[in-house]
């Protein structure tokens, strides 16, 4: 799946751990997305939430993308790495 990154950010604190988000477009999808990422265990074991970025869209596209993220480690890692690259030092 081809994605285009629109924006990314990540912060770290002892209290919250790593918290980030990536805004992106997915090829063939009619809406843009935002994935929020969180990990309290270093940079592993990420929890995430996937949302439409601006307005609601087709639920089947969101669910298909979520399935893709669960199955495609490279795609998920790309989003995590993009957010980590923006980590405030």
N, C-alpha and C. Protein backbone atom coordinates (compact mmCIF):
# COMPACT_ATOMS: atom_id res chain seq x y z
N UNK A 1 0.85 -1.18 0.00
CA UNK A 1 0.00 0.00 0.00
C UNK A 1 0.89 1.24 0.00
N UNK A 2 0.60 2.14 -0.89
CA UNK A 2 1.35 3.39 -0.99
C UNK A 2 0.72 4.44 -0.08
N UNK A 3 1.53 5.05 0.78
CA UNK A 3 1.03 6.13 1.64
C UNK A 3 1.88 7.37 1.44
N UNK A 4 1.27 8.51 1.71
CA UNK A 4 1.95 9.80 1.64
C UNK A 4 1.84 10.46 3.00
N UNK A 5 2.97 10.75 3.62
CA UNK A 5 3.00 11.37 4.94
C UNK A 5 2.69 12.86 4.78
N UNK A 6 1.77 13.35 5.60
CA UNK A 6 1.41 14.76 5.60
C UNK A 6 2.06 15.50 6.76
N UNK A 7 2.11 14.86 7.92
CA UNK A 7 2.66 15.49 9.11
C UNK A 7 2.96 14.40 10.14
N UNK A 8 3.93 14.66 11.00
CA UNK A 8 4.26 13.69 12.05
C UNK A 8 4.84 14.43 13.24
N UNK A 9 4.64 13.86 14.42
CA UNK A 9 5.25 14.41 15.63
C UNK A 9 5.31 13.32 16.70
N UNK A 10 6.22 13.52 17.65
CA UNK A 10 6.33 12.61 18.79
C UNK A 10 6.96 13.35 19.95
N UNK A 11 6.50 13.02 21.14
CA UNK A 11 7.08 13.56 22.37
C UNK A 11 7.39 12.40 23.30
N UNK A 12 8.21 12.69 24.31
CA UNK A 12 8.52 11.71 25.34
C UNK A 12 8.53 12.39 26.69
N UNK A 13 7.92 11.73 27.67
CA UNK A 13 8.03 12.16 29.06
C UNK A 13 8.05 10.90 29.93
N UNK A 14 8.63 11.03 31.12
CA UNK A 14 8.68 9.88 32.02
C UNK A 14 7.28 9.42 32.41
N UNK A 15 6.36 10.37 32.54
CA UNK A 15 5.00 10.04 32.96
C UNK A 15 4.20 9.32 31.86
N UNK A 16 4.30 9.82 30.63
CA UNK A 16 3.47 9.30 29.54
C UNK A 16 4.20 8.36 28.60
N UNK A 17 5.50 8.30 28.65
CA UNK A 17 6.27 7.51 27.70
C UNK A 17 6.31 8.22 26.35
N UNK A 18 6.30 7.45 25.28
CA UNK A 18 6.32 8.00 23.94
C UNK A 18 4.90 8.18 23.44
N UNK A 19 4.59 9.35 22.93
CA UNK A 19 3.26 9.66 22.38
C UNK A 19 3.49 10.40 21.06
N UNK A 20 2.89 9.87 20.00
CA UNK A 20 3.09 10.49 18.70
C UNK A 20 1.86 10.37 17.83
N UNK A 21 1.94 11.03 16.69
CA UNK A 21 0.87 10.91 15.70
C UNK A 21 1.45 11.16 14.32
N UNK A 22 0.82 10.52 13.35
CA UNK A 22 1.21 10.69 11.95
C UNK A 22 -0.07 10.90 11.16
N UNK A 23 -0.07 11.94 10.35
CA UNK A 23 -1.19 12.22 9.44
C UNK A 23 -0.74 11.80 8.05
N UNK A 24 -1.62 11.07 7.33
CA UNK A 24 -1.20 10.53 6.04
C UNK A 24 -2.39 10.25 5.13
N UNK A 25 -2.07 10.05 3.86
CA UNK A 25 -3.03 9.62 2.85
C UNK A 25 -2.67 8.21 2.43
N UNK A 26 -3.66 7.40 2.12
CA UNK A 26 -3.45 6.06 1.61
C UNK A 26 -3.98 6.00 0.17
N UNK A 27 -3.18 5.45 -0.70
CA UNK A 27 -3.54 5.36 -2.11
C UNK A 27 -4.89 4.65 -2.28
N UNK A 28 -5.77 5.26 -3.06
CA UNK A 28 -7.07 4.67 -3.34
C UNK A 28 -8.13 4.96 -2.30
N UNK A 29 -7.79 5.64 -1.23
CA UNK A 29 -8.76 5.97 -0.18
C UNK A 29 -9.23 7.41 -0.37
N UNK A 30 -10.48 7.64 -0.06
CA UNK A 30 -11.06 8.95 -0.32
C UNK A 30 -10.81 9.95 0.82
N UNK A 31 -10.34 9.51 1.96
CA UNK A 31 -10.10 10.41 3.09
C UNK A 31 -8.67 10.28 3.59
N UNK A 32 -8.22 11.28 4.32
CA UNK A 32 -6.92 11.24 4.97
C UNK A 32 -7.09 10.67 6.38
N UNK A 33 -5.99 10.19 6.95
CA UNK A 33 -6.03 9.52 8.25
C UNK A 33 -5.03 10.13 9.21
N UNK A 34 -5.26 9.83 10.49
CA UNK A 34 -4.29 10.13 11.54
C UNK A 34 -4.19 8.89 12.40
N UNK A 35 -2.96 8.47 12.65
CA UNK A 35 -2.72 7.38 13.59
C UNK A 35 -2.04 7.98 14.81
N UNK A 36 -2.57 7.66 15.99
CA UNK A 36 -1.92 8.07 17.23
C UNK A 36 -1.17 6.86 17.78
N UNK A 37 -0.01 7.09 18.32
CA UNK A 37 0.87 6.02 18.78
C UNK A 37 1.27 6.28 20.23
N UNK A 38 1.38 5.22 21.01
CA UNK A 38 1.80 5.38 22.40
C UNK A 38 2.55 4.13 22.85
N UNK A 39 3.61 4.35 23.62
CA UNK A 39 4.37 3.25 24.21
C UNK A 39 5.01 3.71 25.50
N UNK A 40 4.77 2.96 26.55
CA UNK A 40 5.42 3.25 27.83
C UNK A 40 6.63 2.35 28.04
N UNK A 41 6.85 1.41 27.14
CA UNK A 41 7.95 0.45 27.27
C UNK A 41 9.04 0.71 26.24
N UNK A 42 9.62 1.87 26.29
CA UNK A 42 10.67 2.19 25.33
C UNK A 42 10.06 2.38 23.96
N UNK A 43 10.75 1.91 22.95
CA UNK A 43 10.24 2.10 21.60
C UNK A 43 9.72 0.78 21.02
N UNK A 44 9.13 -0.05 21.88
CA UNK A 44 8.49 -1.30 21.44
C UNK A 44 7.08 -1.34 21.98
N UNK A 45 6.34 -2.34 21.56
CA UNK A 45 4.99 -2.56 22.08
C UNK A 45 4.11 -1.32 21.94
N UNK A 46 3.90 -0.90 20.72
CA UNK A 46 3.12 0.30 20.45
C UNK A 46 1.63 0.00 20.47
N UNK A 47 0.89 0.85 21.15
CA UNK A 47 -0.56 0.88 21.03
C UNK A 47 -0.89 1.98 20.03
N UNK A 48 -2.02 1.83 19.36
CA UNK A 48 -2.35 2.87 18.38
C UNK A 48 -3.85 3.02 18.22
N UNK A 49 -4.25 4.14 17.69
CA UNK A 49 -5.62 4.40 17.30
C UNK A 49 -5.59 4.98 15.90
N UNK A 50 -6.49 4.54 15.05
CA UNK A 50 -6.56 5.03 13.68
C UNK A 50 -7.86 5.80 13.51
N UNK A 51 -7.76 7.00 12.95
CA UNK A 51 -8.92 7.89 12.83
C UNK A 51 -8.91 8.58 11.47
N UNK A 52 -10.08 9.03 11.04
CA UNK A 52 -10.14 9.92 9.89
C UNK A 52 -9.57 11.27 10.32
N UNK A 53 -8.84 11.92 9.43
CA UNK A 53 -8.17 13.16 9.80
C UNK A 53 -9.12 14.35 9.90
N UNK A 54 -9.90 14.62 8.88
CA UNK A 54 -10.72 15.83 8.86
C UNK A 54 -12.21 15.55 9.04
N UNK A 55 -12.72 14.61 8.29
CA UNK A 55 -14.14 14.29 8.39
C UNK A 55 -14.31 12.79 8.23
N UNK A 56 -15.45 12.31 8.67
CA UNK A 56 -15.73 10.88 8.57
C UNK A 56 -15.75 10.45 7.11
N UNK A 57 -15.38 9.22 6.90
CA UNK A 57 -15.35 8.67 5.55
C UNK A 57 -15.96 7.28 5.54
N UNK A 58 -15.53 6.50 4.57
CA UNK A 58 -16.07 5.15 4.41
C UNK A 58 -15.47 4.22 5.46
N UNK A 59 -16.36 3.67 6.27
CA UNK A 59 -15.91 2.79 7.35
C UNK A 59 -15.15 1.59 6.80
N UNK A 60 -15.57 1.06 5.65
CA UNK A 60 -14.90 -0.11 5.09
C UNK A 60 -13.45 0.21 4.69
N UNK A 61 -13.18 1.46 4.27
CA UNK A 61 -11.80 1.84 3.96
C UNK A 61 -10.96 1.92 5.23
N UNK A 62 -11.53 2.48 6.29
CA UNK A 62 -10.83 2.57 7.57
C UNK A 62 -10.51 1.17 8.10
N UNK A 63 -11.49 0.27 8.05
CA UNK A 63 -11.29 -1.09 8.54
C UNK A 63 -10.26 -1.84 7.69
N UNK A 64 -10.28 -1.62 6.37
CA UNK A 64 -9.30 -2.27 5.50
C UNK A 64 -7.90 -1.78 5.83
N UNK A 65 -7.76 -0.49 6.09
CA UNK A 65 -6.46 0.07 6.45
C UNK A 65 -6.00 -0.47 7.80
N UNK A 66 -6.91 -0.58 8.73
CA UNK A 66 -6.56 -1.13 10.04
C UNK A 66 -6.08 -2.58 9.90
N UNK A 67 -6.76 -3.37 9.07
CA UNK A 67 -6.32 -4.74 8.81
C UNK A 67 -4.92 -4.76 8.19
N UNK A 68 -4.69 -3.84 7.26
CA UNK A 68 -3.38 -3.75 6.62
C UNK A 68 -2.30 -3.43 7.64
N UNK A 69 -2.58 -2.53 8.57
CA UNK A 69 -1.60 -2.18 9.60
C UNK A 69 -1.30 -3.37 10.51
N UNK A 70 -2.31 -4.18 10.79
CA UNK A 70 -2.11 -5.36 11.63
C UNK A 70 -1.27 -6.43 10.93
N UNK A 71 -1.39 -6.53 9.61
CA UNK A 71 -0.72 -7.58 8.86
C UNK A 71 0.64 -7.16 8.31
N UNK A 72 0.82 -5.88 8.03
CA UNK A 72 2.02 -5.39 7.35
C UNK A 72 2.93 -4.66 8.33
N UNK A 73 3.88 -5.40 8.90
CA UNK A 73 4.80 -4.81 9.88
C UNK A 73 5.62 -3.67 9.28
N UNK A 74 5.98 -3.77 8.02
CA UNK A 74 6.77 -2.72 7.40
C UNK A 74 5.99 -1.41 7.33
N UNK A 75 4.71 -1.49 7.01
CA UNK A 75 3.88 -0.29 6.95
C UNK A 75 3.74 0.34 8.33
N UNK A 76 3.44 -0.48 9.33
CA UNK A 76 3.31 0.03 10.69
C UNK A 76 4.63 0.63 11.17
N UNK A 77 5.73 -0.08 10.91
CA UNK A 77 7.05 0.43 11.33
C UNK A 77 7.39 1.74 10.63
N UNK A 78 6.99 1.89 9.38
CA UNK A 78 7.22 3.14 8.67
C UNK A 78 6.54 4.30 9.39
N UNK A 79 5.30 4.10 9.82
CA UNK A 79 4.58 5.16 10.54
C UNK A 79 5.24 5.46 11.88
N UNK A 80 5.61 4.42 12.60
CA UNK A 80 6.30 4.61 13.90
C UNK A 80 7.63 5.33 13.70
N UNK A 81 8.42 4.87 12.74
CA UNK A 81 9.72 5.48 12.49
C UNK A 81 9.60 6.94 12.05
N UNK A 82 8.56 7.24 11.28
CA UNK A 82 8.33 8.62 10.85
C UNK A 82 8.06 9.51 12.05
N UNK A 83 7.23 9.04 12.98
CA UNK A 83 6.95 9.81 14.19
C UNK A 83 8.19 9.93 15.06
N UNK A 84 8.94 8.82 15.23
CA UNK A 84 10.13 8.85 16.06
C UNK A 84 11.18 9.81 15.53
N UNK A 85 11.24 9.96 14.20
CA UNK A 85 12.20 10.88 13.61
C UNK A 85 11.90 12.33 14.00
N UNK A 86 10.69 12.60 14.44
CA UNK A 86 10.31 13.96 14.85
C UNK A 86 10.39 14.17 16.36
N UNK A 87 10.89 13.16 17.06
CA UNK A 87 10.96 13.22 18.52
C UNK A 87 11.74 14.45 18.96
N UNK A 88 11.11 15.20 19.85
CA UNK A 88 11.76 16.40 20.39
C UNK A 88 12.88 15.95 21.32
N UNK A 89 14.05 16.44 21.05
CA UNK A 89 15.22 16.05 21.85
C UNK A 89 15.23 16.78 23.18
